[in-house]
Amino acid sequence: MFDDVFGGMFDFNGDGHTDVAEEALGFAVMEDMMSEEDSADDFDTVSDDEW
């Protein structure tokens, strides 16, 4: 059986089990969130101390 990598956090259908598709979707969501954070950091070129 597939081990629940994220501890049930991505059990989208609420059946008590996280299948491979739910794990993949959860990973994609987390990856997208991290990508958005990285791109937001790229625009922060002036620190608060410089103002």
Protein backbone atom coordinates (compact mmCIF):
# COMPACT_ATOMS: atom_id res chain seq x y z
CA MET A 1 0.00 0.00 0.00
CA PHE A 2 1.08 3.56 -0.66
CA ASP A 3 2.39 5.41 2.40
CA ASP A 4 0.69 8.74 3.11
CA VAL A 5 3.52 11.20 2.55
CA PHE A 6 1.65 14.30 3.74
CA GLY A 7 -0.17 12.76 6.70
CA GLY A 8 -3.68 12.91 5.21
CA MET A 9 -3.51 16.62 4.52
CA PHE A 10 -4.52 16.05 0.89
CA ASP A 11 -7.36 13.59 1.37
CA PHE A 12 -9.56 15.65 -0.96
CA ASN A 13 -12.46 13.21 -1.23
CA GLY A 14 -12.60 12.60 2.55
CA ASP A 15 -12.50 8.81 2.38
CA GLY A 16 -9.80 8.54 5.05
CA HIS A 17 -7.14 7.44 2.56
CA THR A 18 -4.87 9.46 0.33
CA ASP A 19 -4.32 7.81 -3.04
CA VAL A 20 -1.55 8.48 -5.53
CA ALA A 21 -3.62 11.03 -7.48
CA GLU A 22 -4.38 13.02 -4.33
CA GLU A 23 -0.72 12.95 -3.31
CA ALA A 24 0.32 14.16 -6.77
CA LEU A 25 -2.24 16.97 -6.69
CA GLY A 26 -1.11 17.98 -3.21
CA PHE A 27 2.52 18.02 -4.32
CA ALA A 28 1.61 20.17 -7.35
CA VAL A 29 -0.24 22.63 -5.09
CA MET A 30 2.74 22.91 -2.74
CA GLU A 31 5.17 23.27 -5.64
CA ASP A 32 3.04 26.06 -7.14
CA MET A 33 2.90 27.89 -3.82
CA MET A 34 6.67 27.69 -3.43
CA SER A 35 7.15 28.93 -7.00
CA GLU A 36 4.92 31.94 -6.31
CA GLU A 37 6.93 32.77 -3.18
CA ASP A 38 10.18 32.60 -5.13
CA SER A 39 8.88 34.91 -7.85
CA ALA A 40 7.58 37.37 -5.24
CA ASP A 41 11.04 37.46 -3.65
CA ASP A 42 12.58 38.36 -7.01
CA PHE A 43 10.75 41.71 -7.01
CA ASP A 44 11.85 42.62 -3.49
CA THR A 45 15.11 44.30 -4.50
CA VAL A 46 15.05 47.17 -1.99
CA SER A 47 15.28 46.29 1.66
CA ASP A 48 13.33 48.14 4.35
CA ASP A 49 16.60 49.49 5.74
CA GLU A 50 17.29 51.40 2.52
CA TRP A 51 14.10 53.45 2.79
